[in-house]
Amino acid sequence: MAALPDEEVVRTFQETGGDDCFAELFARHRQRVYSACRRFFTDNATAEDAAQEAFLRAYRNIKSFHGGNFLGWLMKITRNACIDLWRKIPEETATEDDPLPDLAVPGALESSPDMHLAVEQIWQEMSSLTPEQRLCLGMLIEGYSYEETAVRTGFSLKAVKSYIQNGRRMLWLQMAGVLY
């Protein structure tokens, strides 16, 4: 089963319900899903919880997958699981002993609510990009190299670089008032 593309493994799982198929998908993508969650959360435990939630949602909803890019579908579920978990975490309030958070601590900026809102808005703004720009930028965010993106999408390397550059430029213009 290791030689089959994700989409074939999903189709087999949908037809047979064999847990070995989903176990194969889990083994293939658990590190990428966890890494995406780890970039969203600064602590391992919360990232693990988000990754577990993402795979549970994928398992429950795999019947709704009707072809296309399985990894993209899974990463969208992962992103949504991270956002939902982040929203459930109570906002830390300052105490008298510690009136302001110490932003000089490594990772403090990444865990600030403003940063998470900016990241969420970037994902929302990506919907205004062309499908090619959205696909290439999404794969770059997920950790694919330009070359891997070209191979997986079928675009030339030059086209991938162009889509990413133009997509970044459009996002930069759209996010001008949010990021600085």
N, C-alpha and C. Protein backbone atom coordinates (compact mmCIF):
# COMPACT_ATOMS: atom_id res chain seq x y z
N MET A 1 0.82 -1.19 0.00
CA MET A 1 0.00 0.00 0.00
C MET A 1 0.87 1.26 0.00
N ALA A 2 2.12 1.11 0.41
CA ALA A 2 3.01 2.27 0.50
C ALA A 2 3.26 2.91 -0.86
N ALA A 3 3.13 2.13 -1.94
CA ALA A 3 3.40 2.67 -3.27
C ALA A 3 2.19 3.39 -3.86
N LEU A 4 1.03 3.21 -3.27
CA LEU A 4 -0.18 3.84 -3.80
C LEU A 4 -0.22 5.32 -3.44
N PRO A 5 -0.73 6.16 -4.33
CA PRO A 5 -0.92 7.57 -3.97
C PRO A 5 -1.99 7.71 -2.88
N ASP A 6 -1.95 8.79 -2.16
CA ASP A 6 -2.90 9.04 -1.07
C ASP A 6 -4.33 8.86 -1.52
N GLU A 7 -4.65 9.40 -2.68
CA GLU A 7 -6.03 9.38 -3.15
C GLU A 7 -6.54 7.96 -3.35
N GLU A 8 -5.65 7.05 -3.78
CA GLU A 8 -6.04 5.65 -3.95
C GLU A 8 -6.26 4.98 -2.60
N VAL A 9 -5.42 5.30 -1.63
CA VAL A 9 -5.57 4.74 -0.29
C VAL A 9 -6.89 5.23 0.31
N VAL A 10 -7.22 6.50 0.10
CA VAL A 10 -8.48 7.05 0.58
C VAL A 10 -9.65 6.33 -0.07
N ARG A 11 -9.57 6.15 -1.39
CA ARG A 11 -10.66 5.48 -2.09
C ARG A 11 -10.85 4.06 -1.56
N THR A 12 -9.75 3.35 -1.33
CA THR A 12 -9.83 2.00 -0.77
C THR A 12 -10.47 2.03 0.61
N PHE A 13 -10.08 3.00 1.42
CA PHE A 13 -10.66 3.14 2.75
C PHE A 13 -12.16 3.42 2.67
N GLN A 14 -12.55 4.29 1.75
CA GLN A 14 -13.96 4.62 1.60
C GLN A 14 -14.77 3.40 1.17
N GLU A 15 -14.18 2.54 0.35
CA GLU A 15 -14.89 1.36 -0.14
C GLU A 15 -14.93 0.24 0.89
N THR A 16 -13.81 0.03 1.59
CA THR A 16 -13.71 -1.12 2.49
C THR A 16 -13.87 -0.77 3.96
N GLY A 17 -13.53 0.46 4.32
CA GLY A 17 -13.56 0.84 5.74
C GLY A 17 -12.42 0.24 6.53
N GLY A 18 -11.42 -0.30 5.82
CA GLY A 18 -10.29 -0.94 6.49
C GLY A 18 -9.43 0.07 7.23
N ASP A 19 -9.29 -0.14 8.54
CA ASP A 19 -8.50 0.78 9.34
C ASP A 19 -7.02 0.79 8.94
N ASP A 20 -6.56 -0.26 8.29
CA ASP A 20 -5.17 -0.27 7.85
C ASP A 20 -4.91 0.82 6.80
N CYS A 21 -5.92 1.16 6.03
CA CYS A 21 -5.78 2.24 5.04
C CYS A 21 -5.60 3.58 5.74
N PHE A 22 -6.43 3.84 6.75
CA PHE A 22 -6.29 5.11 7.47
C PHE A 22 -4.99 5.13 8.26
N ALA A 23 -4.58 3.98 8.78
CA ALA A 23 -3.31 3.90 9.49
C ALA A 23 -2.15 4.27 8.56
N GLU A 24 -2.26 3.87 7.31
CA GLU A 24 -1.23 4.21 6.32
C GLU A 24 -1.22 5.72 6.08
N LEU A 25 -2.37 6.33 5.94
CA LEU A 25 -2.44 7.78 5.75
C LEU A 25 -1.89 8.51 6.97
N PHE A 26 -2.21 8.01 8.15
CA PHE A 26 -1.70 8.59 9.38
C PHE A 26 -0.17 8.52 9.41
N ALA A 27 0.37 7.36 9.09
CA ALA A 27 1.83 7.19 9.10
C ALA A 27 2.51 8.12 8.09
N ARG A 28 1.89 8.30 6.95
CA ARG A 28 2.47 9.17 5.92
C ARG A 28 2.48 10.65 6.33
N HIS A 29 1.45 11.08 7.04
CA HIS A 29 1.25 12.52 7.23
C HIS A 29 1.31 13.00 8.68
N ARG A 30 1.55 12.12 9.62
CA ARG A 30 1.52 12.55 11.03
C ARG A 30 2.57 13.60 11.34
N GLN A 31 3.76 13.46 10.77
CA GLN A 31 4.81 14.44 11.06
C GLN A 31 4.48 15.81 10.46
N ARG A 32 3.96 15.82 9.27
CA ARG A 32 3.61 17.10 8.61
C ARG A 32 2.46 17.77 9.37
N VAL A 33 1.46 17.01 9.79
CA VAL A 33 0.35 17.57 10.54
C VAL A 33 0.83 18.10 11.89
N TYR A 34 1.65 17.31 12.58
CA TYR A 34 2.17 17.77 13.87
C TYR A 34 3.02 19.02 13.69
N SER A 35 3.84 19.07 12.65
CA SER A 35 4.68 20.24 12.41
C SER A 35 3.83 21.49 12.16
N ALA A 36 2.75 21.33 11.42
CA ALA A 36 1.85 22.46 11.18
C ALA A 36 1.23 22.92 12.50
N CYS A 37 0.84 21.99 13.34
CA CYS A 37 0.26 22.33 14.64
C CYS A 37 1.31 22.97 15.54
N ARG A 38 2.53 22.48 15.46
CA ARG A 38 3.62 23.01 16.29
C ARG A 38 3.96 24.44 15.90
N ARG A 39 3.80 24.77 14.63
CA ARG A 39 4.03 26.16 14.20
C ARG A 39 2.93 27.08 14.72
N PHE A 40 1.78 26.52 14.98
CA PHE A 40 0.66 27.31 15.48
C PHE A 40 0.72 27.48 17.00
N PHE A 41 1.12 26.42 17.70
CA PHE A 41 1.19 26.44 19.17
C PHE A 41 2.64 26.32 19.62
N THR A 42 2.96 26.99 20.72
CA THR A 42 4.34 26.98 21.19
C THR A 42 4.66 25.80 22.08
N ASP A 43 3.66 25.11 22.58
CA ASP A 43 3.96 23.97 23.45
C ASP A 43 3.58 22.65 22.77
N ASN A 44 4.36 21.63 23.07
CA ASN A 44 4.18 20.32 22.43
C ASN A 44 2.82 19.70 22.73
N ALA A 45 2.37 19.79 23.98
CA ALA A 45 1.13 19.12 24.36
C ALA A 45 -0.06 19.66 23.58
N THR A 46 -0.15 20.96 23.45
CA THR A 46 -1.27 21.55 22.71
C THR A 46 -1.17 21.20 21.22
N ALA A 47 0.04 21.21 20.68
CA ALA A 47 0.23 20.83 19.28
C ALA A 47 -0.18 19.37 19.06
N GLU A 48 0.16 18.50 20.01
CA GLU A 48 -0.24 17.09 19.90
C GLU A 48 -1.76 16.95 19.96
N ASP A 49 -2.39 17.71 20.86
CA ASP A 49 -3.85 17.68 20.95
C ASP A 49 -4.49 18.12 19.63
N ALA A 50 -3.96 19.18 19.05
CA ALA A 50 -4.49 19.69 17.78
C ALA A 50 -4.29 18.67 16.66
N ALA A 51 -3.14 18.03 16.62
CA ALA A 51 -2.87 17.02 15.59
C ALA A 51 -3.83 15.84 15.74
N GLN A 52 -4.04 15.42 16.99
CA GLN A 52 -4.96 14.32 17.24
C GLN A 52 -6.38 14.70 16.80
N GLU A 53 -6.80 15.91 17.11
CA GLU A 53 -8.12 16.38 16.70
C GLU A 53 -8.24 16.42 15.18
N ALA A 54 -7.16 16.85 14.51
CA ALA A 54 -7.18 16.92 13.05
C ALA A 54 -7.38 15.53 12.45
N PHE A 55 -6.66 14.54 12.96
CA PHE A 55 -6.81 13.18 12.42
C PHE A 55 -8.18 12.59 12.76
N LEU A 56 -8.71 12.91 13.94
CA LEU A 56 -10.06 12.44 14.27
C LEU A 56 -11.09 13.02 13.32
N ARG A 57 -10.96 14.32 13.03
CA ARG A 57 -11.89 14.96 12.09
C ARG A 57 -11.75 14.35 10.70
N ALA A 58 -10.52 14.12 10.29
CA ALA A 58 -10.30 13.52 8.97
C ALA A 58 -10.94 12.13 8.91
N TYR A 59 -10.77 11.34 9.96
CA TYR A 59 -11.34 10.00 10.00
C TYR A 59 -12.86 10.06 9.92
N ARG A 60 -13.45 10.98 10.69
CA ARG A 60 -14.92 11.10 10.70
C ARG A 60 -15.48 11.60 9.37
N ASN A 61 -14.71 12.42 8.67
CA ASN A 61 -15.22 13.09 7.47
C ASN A 61 -14.62 12.58 6.17
N ILE A 62 -13.89 11.48 6.21
CA ILE A 62 -13.20 11.03 5.01
C ILE A 62 -14.17 10.62 3.91
N LYS A 63 -15.38 10.26 4.28
CA LYS A 63 -16.38 9.91 3.26
C LYS A 63 -16.73 11.12 2.40
N SER A 64 -16.52 12.33 2.93
CA SER A 64 -16.84 13.54 2.17
C SER A 64 -15.71 13.95 1.23
N PHE A 65 -14.57 13.26 1.29
CA PHE A 65 -13.47 13.56 0.38
C PHE A 65 -13.79 12.93 -0.97
N HIS A 66 -13.88 13.77 -2.00
CA HIS A 66 -14.26 13.28 -3.33
C HIS A 66 -13.17 13.50 -4.36
N GLY A 67 -11.96 13.18 -4.01
CA GLY A 67 -10.86 13.33 -4.95
C GLY A 67 -10.17 14.67 -4.80
N GLY A 68 -9.12 14.84 -5.56
CA GLY A 68 -8.32 16.05 -5.46
C GLY A 68 -7.07 15.79 -4.62
N ASN A 69 -6.57 16.81 -4.01
CA ASN A 69 -5.34 16.73 -3.24
C ASN A 69 -5.67 16.37 -1.79
N PHE A 70 -5.41 15.12 -1.41
CA PHE A 70 -5.73 14.68 -0.05
C PHE A 70 -4.94 15.45 0.99
N LEU A 71 -3.66 15.67 0.74
CA LEU A 71 -2.85 16.38 1.73
C LEU A 71 -3.36 17.80 1.93
N GLY A 72 -3.76 18.46 0.87
CA GLY A 72 -4.33 19.80 1.00
C GLY A 72 -5.61 19.77 1.84
N TRP A 73 -6.44 18.76 1.61
CA TRP A 73 -7.68 18.58 2.38
C TRP A 73 -7.35 18.36 3.86
N LEU A 74 -6.38 17.50 4.12
CA LEU A 74 -5.97 17.19 5.48
C LEU A 74 -5.37 18.42 6.17
N MET A 75 -4.58 19.21 5.45
CA MET A 75 -3.97 20.40 6.04
C MET A 75 -5.02 21.47 6.33
N LYS A 76 -6.07 21.52 5.53
CA LYS A 76 -7.15 22.47 5.81
C LYS A 76 -7.86 22.06 7.10
N ILE A 77 -8.09 20.77 7.27
CA ILE A 77 -8.69 20.26 8.50
C ILE A 77 -7.77 20.58 9.68
N THR A 78 -6.47 20.39 9.48
CA THR A 78 -5.49 20.67 10.53
C THR A 78 -5.54 22.14 10.93
N ARG A 79 -5.54 23.00 9.95
CA ARG A 79 -5.59 24.44 10.24
C ARG A 79 -6.85 24.79 11.02
N ASN A 80 -7.98 24.25 10.61
CA ASN A 80 -9.24 24.53 11.30
C ASN A 80 -9.24 23.96 12.72
N ALA A 81 -8.65 22.79 12.90
CA ALA A 81 -8.55 22.21 14.25
C ALA A 81 -7.69 23.10 15.15
N CYS A 82 -6.60 23.62 14.60
CA CYS A 82 -5.74 24.52 15.37
C CYS A 82 -6.48 25.80 15.75
N ILE A 83 -7.18 26.37 14.81
CA ILE A 83 -7.92 27.60 15.08
C ILE A 83 -8.99 27.35 16.14
N ASP A 84 -9.73 26.25 16.01
CA ASP A 84 -10.78 25.94 16.98
C ASP A 84 -10.20 25.71 18.37
N LEU A 85 -9.09 24.99 18.46
CA LEU A 85 -8.45 24.75 19.75
C LEU A 85 -7.92 26.05 20.34
N TRP A 86 -7.33 26.87 19.50
CA TRP A 86 -6.81 28.15 19.98
C TRP A 86 -7.93 29.02 20.54
N ARG A 87 -9.08 29.00 19.91
CA ARG A 87 -10.21 29.80 20.39
C ARG A 87 -10.72 29.30 21.74
N LYS A 88 -10.55 28.01 22.02
CA LYS A 88 -11.02 27.45 23.29
C LYS A 88 -10.07 27.74 24.45
N ILE A 89 -8.82 28.06 24.13
CA ILE A 89 -7.85 28.33 25.19
C ILE A 89 -8.20 29.68 25.82
N PRO A 90 -8.41 29.69 27.14
CA PRO A 90 -8.77 30.97 27.76
C PRO A 90 -7.63 31.97 27.66
N GLU A 91 -8.01 33.22 27.42
CA GLU A 91 -7.01 34.26 27.31
C GLU A 91 -6.39 34.50 28.67
N GLU A 92 -5.07 34.52 28.72
CA GLU A 92 -4.38 34.75 29.98
C GLU A 92 -4.53 36.21 30.36
N THR A 93 -4.91 36.44 31.60
CA THR A 93 -5.05 37.81 32.07
C THR A 93 -3.85 38.16 32.92
N ALA A 94 -3.45 39.43 32.87
CA ALA A 94 -2.31 39.89 33.64
C ALA A 94 -2.68 39.97 35.12
N THR A 95 -1.74 39.59 35.98
CA THR A 95 -1.94 39.69 37.42
C THR A 95 -1.22 40.93 37.93
N GLU A 96 -1.42 41.23 39.19
CA GLU A 96 -0.75 42.39 39.77
C GLU A 96 0.75 42.19 39.79
N ASP A 97 1.19 40.94 39.99
CA ASP A 97 2.63 40.66 40.04
C ASP A 97 3.26 40.77 38.67
N ASP A 98 2.50 40.51 37.63
CA ASP A 98 3.02 40.50 36.27
C ASP A 98 2.06 41.30 35.38
N PRO A 99 2.10 42.66 35.46
CA PRO A 99 1.11 43.45 34.75
C PRO A 99 1.19 43.38 33.24
N LEU A 100 2.35 43.15 32.66
CA LEU A 100 2.50 43.08 31.21
C LEU A 100 3.26 41.83 30.82
N PRO A 101 2.88 41.18 29.73
CA PRO A 101 3.64 40.02 29.29
C PRO A 101 5.02 40.44 28.82
N ASP A 102 6.00 39.55 29.01
CA ASP A 102 7.37 39.84 28.61
C ASP A 102 7.55 39.41 27.16
N LEU A 103 7.48 40.36 26.24
CA LEU A 103 7.58 40.03 24.82
C LEU A 103 9.00 39.73 24.40
N ALA A 104 9.97 39.89 25.27
CA ALA A 104 11.35 39.56 24.94
C ALA A 104 11.61 38.06 25.03
N VAL A 105 10.68 37.32 25.64
CA VAL A 105 10.84 35.89 25.77
C VAL A 105 10.66 35.24 24.40
N PRO A 106 11.59 34.36 23.98
CA PRO A 106 11.42 33.71 22.68
C PRO A 106 10.08 32.98 22.61
N GLY A 107 9.38 33.16 21.53
CA GLY A 107 8.09 32.50 21.32
C GLY A 107 6.91 33.31 21.82
N ALA A 108 7.15 34.41 22.56
CA ALA A 108 6.04 35.18 23.10
C ALA A 108 5.24 35.83 21.98
N LEU A 109 5.90 36.33 20.96
CA LEU A 109 5.19 36.97 19.85
C LEU A 109 4.33 35.95 19.11
N GLU A 110 4.88 34.75 18.90
CA GLU A 110 4.14 33.73 18.17
C GLU A 110 2.89 33.29 18.92
N SER A 111 2.92 33.40 20.26
CA SER A 111 1.77 32.94 21.02
C SER A 111 0.79 34.07 21.34
N SER A 112 1.08 35.27 20.90
CA SER A 112 0.18 36.38 21.21
C SER A 112 -1.10 36.25 20.39
N PRO A 113 -2.23 36.68 20.98
CA PRO A 113 -3.50 36.59 20.24
C PRO A 113 -3.48 37.40 18.95
N ASP A 114 -2.79 38.55 18.96
CA ASP A 114 -2.73 39.37 17.74
C ASP A 114 -2.07 38.62 16.60
N MET A 115 -1.02 37.87 16.90
CA MET A 115 -0.32 37.11 15.86
C MET A 115 -1.23 36.02 15.30
N HIS A 116 -1.95 35.35 16.18
CA HIS A 116 -2.85 34.30 15.71
C HIS A 116 -3.97 34.88 14.86
N LEU A 117 -4.48 36.04 15.23
CA LEU A 117 -5.51 36.68 14.42
C LEU A 117 -4.97 37.09 13.06
N ALA A 118 -3.72 37.58 13.04
CA ALA A 118 -3.11 37.96 11.77
C ALA A 118 -2.93 36.73 10.88
N VAL A 119 -2.49 35.61 11.47
CA VAL A 119 -2.32 34.38 10.70
C VAL A 119 -3.67 33.91 10.16
N GLU A 120 -4.70 33.98 10.99
CA GLU A 120 -6.04 33.59 10.54
C GLU A 120 -6.51 34.48 9.39
N GLN A 121 -6.22 35.78 9.49
CA GLN A 121 -6.63 36.69 8.43
C GLN A 121 -5.86 36.42 7.14
N ILE A 122 -4.58 36.07 7.27
CA ILE A 122 -3.80 35.71 6.07
C ILE A 122 -4.46 34.53 5.36
N TRP A 123 -4.86 33.51 6.12
CA TRP A 123 -5.51 32.35 5.50
C TRP A 123 -6.80 32.77 4.81
N GLN A 124 -7.54 33.70 5.43
CA GLN A 124 -8.78 34.16 4.82
C GLN A 124 -8.49 34.96 3.54
N GLU A 125 -7.46 35.80 3.58
CA GLU A 125 -7.12 36.62 2.42
C GLU A 125 -6.60 35.76 1.26
N MET A 126 -6.07 34.59 1.57
CA MET A 126 -5.58 33.71 0.51
C MET A 126 -6.70 33.28 -0.43
N SER A 127 -7.93 33.33 0.05
CA SER A 127 -9.05 32.93 -0.81
C SER A 127 -9.25 33.88 -1.98
N SER A 128 -8.70 35.10 -1.88
CA SER A 128 -8.84 36.06 -2.98
C SER A 128 -7.76 35.86 -4.06
N LEU A 129 -6.79 35.00 -3.79
CA LEU A 129 -5.74 34.74 -4.78
C LEU A 129 -6.26 33.81 -5.86
N THR A 130 -5.52 33.73 -6.97
CA THR A 130 -5.90 32.75 -8.00
C THR A 130 -5.71 31.35 -7.43
N PRO A 131 -6.40 30.36 -7.96
CA PRO A 131 -6.24 29.00 -7.45
C PRO A 131 -4.78 28.52 -7.51
N GLU A 132 -4.07 28.90 -8.57
CA GLU A 132 -2.67 28.48 -8.70
C GLU A 132 -1.81 29.12 -7.61
N GLN A 133 -2.01 30.41 -7.36
CA GLN A 133 -1.24 31.09 -6.31
C GLN A 133 -1.57 30.48 -4.95
N ARG A 134 -2.84 30.24 -4.70
CA ARG A 134 -3.28 29.67 -3.42
C ARG A 134 -2.67 28.29 -3.21
N LEU A 135 -2.69 27.47 -4.25
CA LEU A 135 -2.14 26.12 -4.15
C LEU A 135 -0.64 26.17 -3.88
N CYS A 136 0.09 26.96 -4.64
CA CYS A 136 1.55 27.02 -4.48
C CYS A 136 1.95 27.63 -3.14
N LEU A 137 1.28 28.70 -2.74
CA LEU A 137 1.58 29.30 -1.43
C LEU A 137 1.22 28.35 -0.29
N GLY A 138 0.10 27.68 -0.41
CA GLY A 138 -0.30 26.71 0.61
C GLY A 138 0.72 25.60 0.77
N MET A 139 1.23 25.11 -0.34
CA MET A 139 2.24 24.05 -0.27
C MET A 139 3.54 24.58 0.32
N LEU A 140 3.90 25.82 0.01
CA LEU A 140 5.10 26.42 0.60
C LEU A 140 4.93 26.55 2.11
N ILE A 141 3.76 26.98 2.55
CA ILE A 141 3.48 27.11 3.99
C ILE A 141 3.55 25.75 4.66
N GLU A 142 3.09 24.72 3.97
CA GLU A 142 3.10 23.37 4.52
C GLU A 142 4.49 22.75 4.54
N GLY A 143 5.46 23.44 3.93
CA GLY A 143 6.84 22.97 4.01
C GLY A 143 7.39 22.36 2.73
N TYR A 144 6.64 22.38 1.65
CA TYR A 144 7.14 21.85 0.39
C TYR A 144 8.14 22.84 -0.22
N SER A 145 9.17 22.29 -0.85
CA SER A 145 10.12 23.13 -1.58
C SER A 145 9.48 23.53 -2.90
N TYR A 146 10.10 24.47 -3.60
CA TYR A 146 9.61 24.87 -4.91
C TYR A 146 9.59 23.66 -5.85
N GLU A 147 10.65 22.86 -5.79
CA GLU A 147 10.76 21.70 -6.67
C GLU A 147 9.67 20.67 -6.38
N GLU A 148 9.43 20.40 -5.08
CA GLU A 148 8.37 19.46 -4.71
C GLU A 148 7.00 19.97 -5.16
N THR A 149 6.80 21.27 -5.02
CA THR A 149 5.54 21.87 -5.45
C THR A 149 5.35 21.70 -6.95
N ALA A 150 6.42 21.93 -7.70
CA ALA A 150 6.34 21.77 -9.15
C ALA A 150 5.98 20.34 -9.53
N VAL A 151 6.61 19.37 -8.88
CA VAL A 151 6.34 17.97 -9.19
C VAL A 151 4.91 17.60 -8.83
N ARG A 152 4.44 18.00 -7.65
CA ARG A 152 3.10 17.62 -7.19
C ARG A 152 1.98 18.31 -7.96
N THR A 153 2.23 19.56 -8.40
CA THR A 153 1.17 20.30 -9.10
C THR A 153 1.20 20.12 -10.61
N GLY A 154 2.38 19.76 -11.13
CA GLY A 154 2.52 19.66 -12.57
C GLY A 154 2.90 20.97 -13.22
N PHE A 155 3.04 22.04 -12.43
CA PHE A 155 3.48 23.33 -12.96
C PHE A 155 4.99 23.28 -13.17
N SER A 156 5.48 24.11 -14.08
CA SER A 156 6.93 24.22 -14.23
C SER A 156 7.50 24.92 -13.00
N LEU A 157 8.79 24.73 -12.74
CA LEU A 157 9.44 25.38 -11.61
C LEU A 157 9.33 26.89 -11.73
N LYS A 158 9.49 27.39 -12.95
CA LYS A 158 9.38 28.84 -13.18
C LYS A 158 7.97 29.33 -12.84
N ALA A 159 6.95 28.56 -13.21
CA ALA A 159 5.57 28.96 -12.92
C ALA A 159 5.32 28.95 -11.41
N VAL A 160 5.84 27.93 -10.72
CA VAL A 160 5.67 27.85 -9.27
C VAL A 160 6.28 29.09 -8.60
N LYS A 161 7.50 29.45 -9.01
CA LYS A 161 8.15 30.63 -8.44
C LYS A 161 7.34 31.88 -8.71
N SER A 162 6.79 31.98 -9.90
CA SER A 162 5.99 33.14 -10.27
C SER A 162 4.71 33.21 -9.45
N TYR A 163 4.01 32.07 -9.33
CA TYR A 163 2.77 32.05 -8.54
C TYR A 163 3.04 32.44 -7.09
N ILE A 164 4.13 31.92 -6.53
CA ILE A 164 4.46 32.23 -5.14
C ILE A 164 4.82 33.70 -4.99
N GLN A 165 5.64 34.21 -5.88
CA GLN A 165 6.04 35.62 -5.79
C GLN A 165 4.82 36.54 -5.92
N ASN A 166 3.99 36.29 -6.92
CA ASN A 166 2.81 37.14 -7.13
C ASN A 166 1.79 36.98 -5.99
N GLY A 167 1.64 35.77 -5.50
CA GLY A 167 0.74 35.54 -4.37
C GLY A 167 1.21 36.26 -3.12
N ARG A 168 2.51 36.18 -2.86
CA ARG A 168 3.07 36.90 -1.70
C ARG A 168 2.83 38.40 -1.84
N ARG A 169 3.07 38.91 -3.02
CA ARG A 169 2.90 40.34 -3.25
C ARG A 169 1.45 40.75 -3.00
N MET A 170 0.51 39.97 -3.50
CA MET A 170 -0.91 40.29 -3.30
C MET A 170 -1.27 40.21 -1.82
N LEU A 171 -0.78 39.19 -1.11
CA LEU A 171 -1.06 39.09 0.32
C LEU A 171 -0.46 40.27 1.07
N TRP A 172 0.75 40.66 0.70
CA TRP A 172 1.41 41.78 1.35
C TRP A 172 0.57 43.05 1.20
N LEU A 173 0.07 43.28 -0.01
CA LEU A 173 -0.77 44.45 -0.23
C LEU A 173 -2.08 44.38 0.54
N GLN A 174 -2.68 43.22 0.59
CA GLN A 174 -3.95 43.04 1.29
C GLN A 174 -3.79 43.14 2.81
N MET A 175 -2.62 42.75 3.31
CA MET A 175 -2.40 42.71 4.76
C MET A 175 -1.62 43.93 5.26
N ALA A 176 -1.46 44.95 4.44
CA ALA A 176 -0.62 46.10 4.78
C ALA A 176 -0.97 46.72 6.12
N GLY A 177 -2.21 46.89 6.47
CA GLY A 177 -2.57 47.53 7.72
C GLY A 177 -2.59 46.58 8.92
N VAL A 178 -2.48 45.28 8.68
CA VAL A 178 -2.59 44.30 9.76
C VAL A 178 -1.23 43.94 10.34
N LEU A 179 -0.23 43.81 9.48
CA LEU A 179 1.06 43.28 9.92
C LEU A 179 2.02 44.31 10.45
N TYR A 180 1.75 45.57 10.27
CA TYR A 180 2.66 46.59 10.81
C TYR A 180 1.92 47.82 11.21
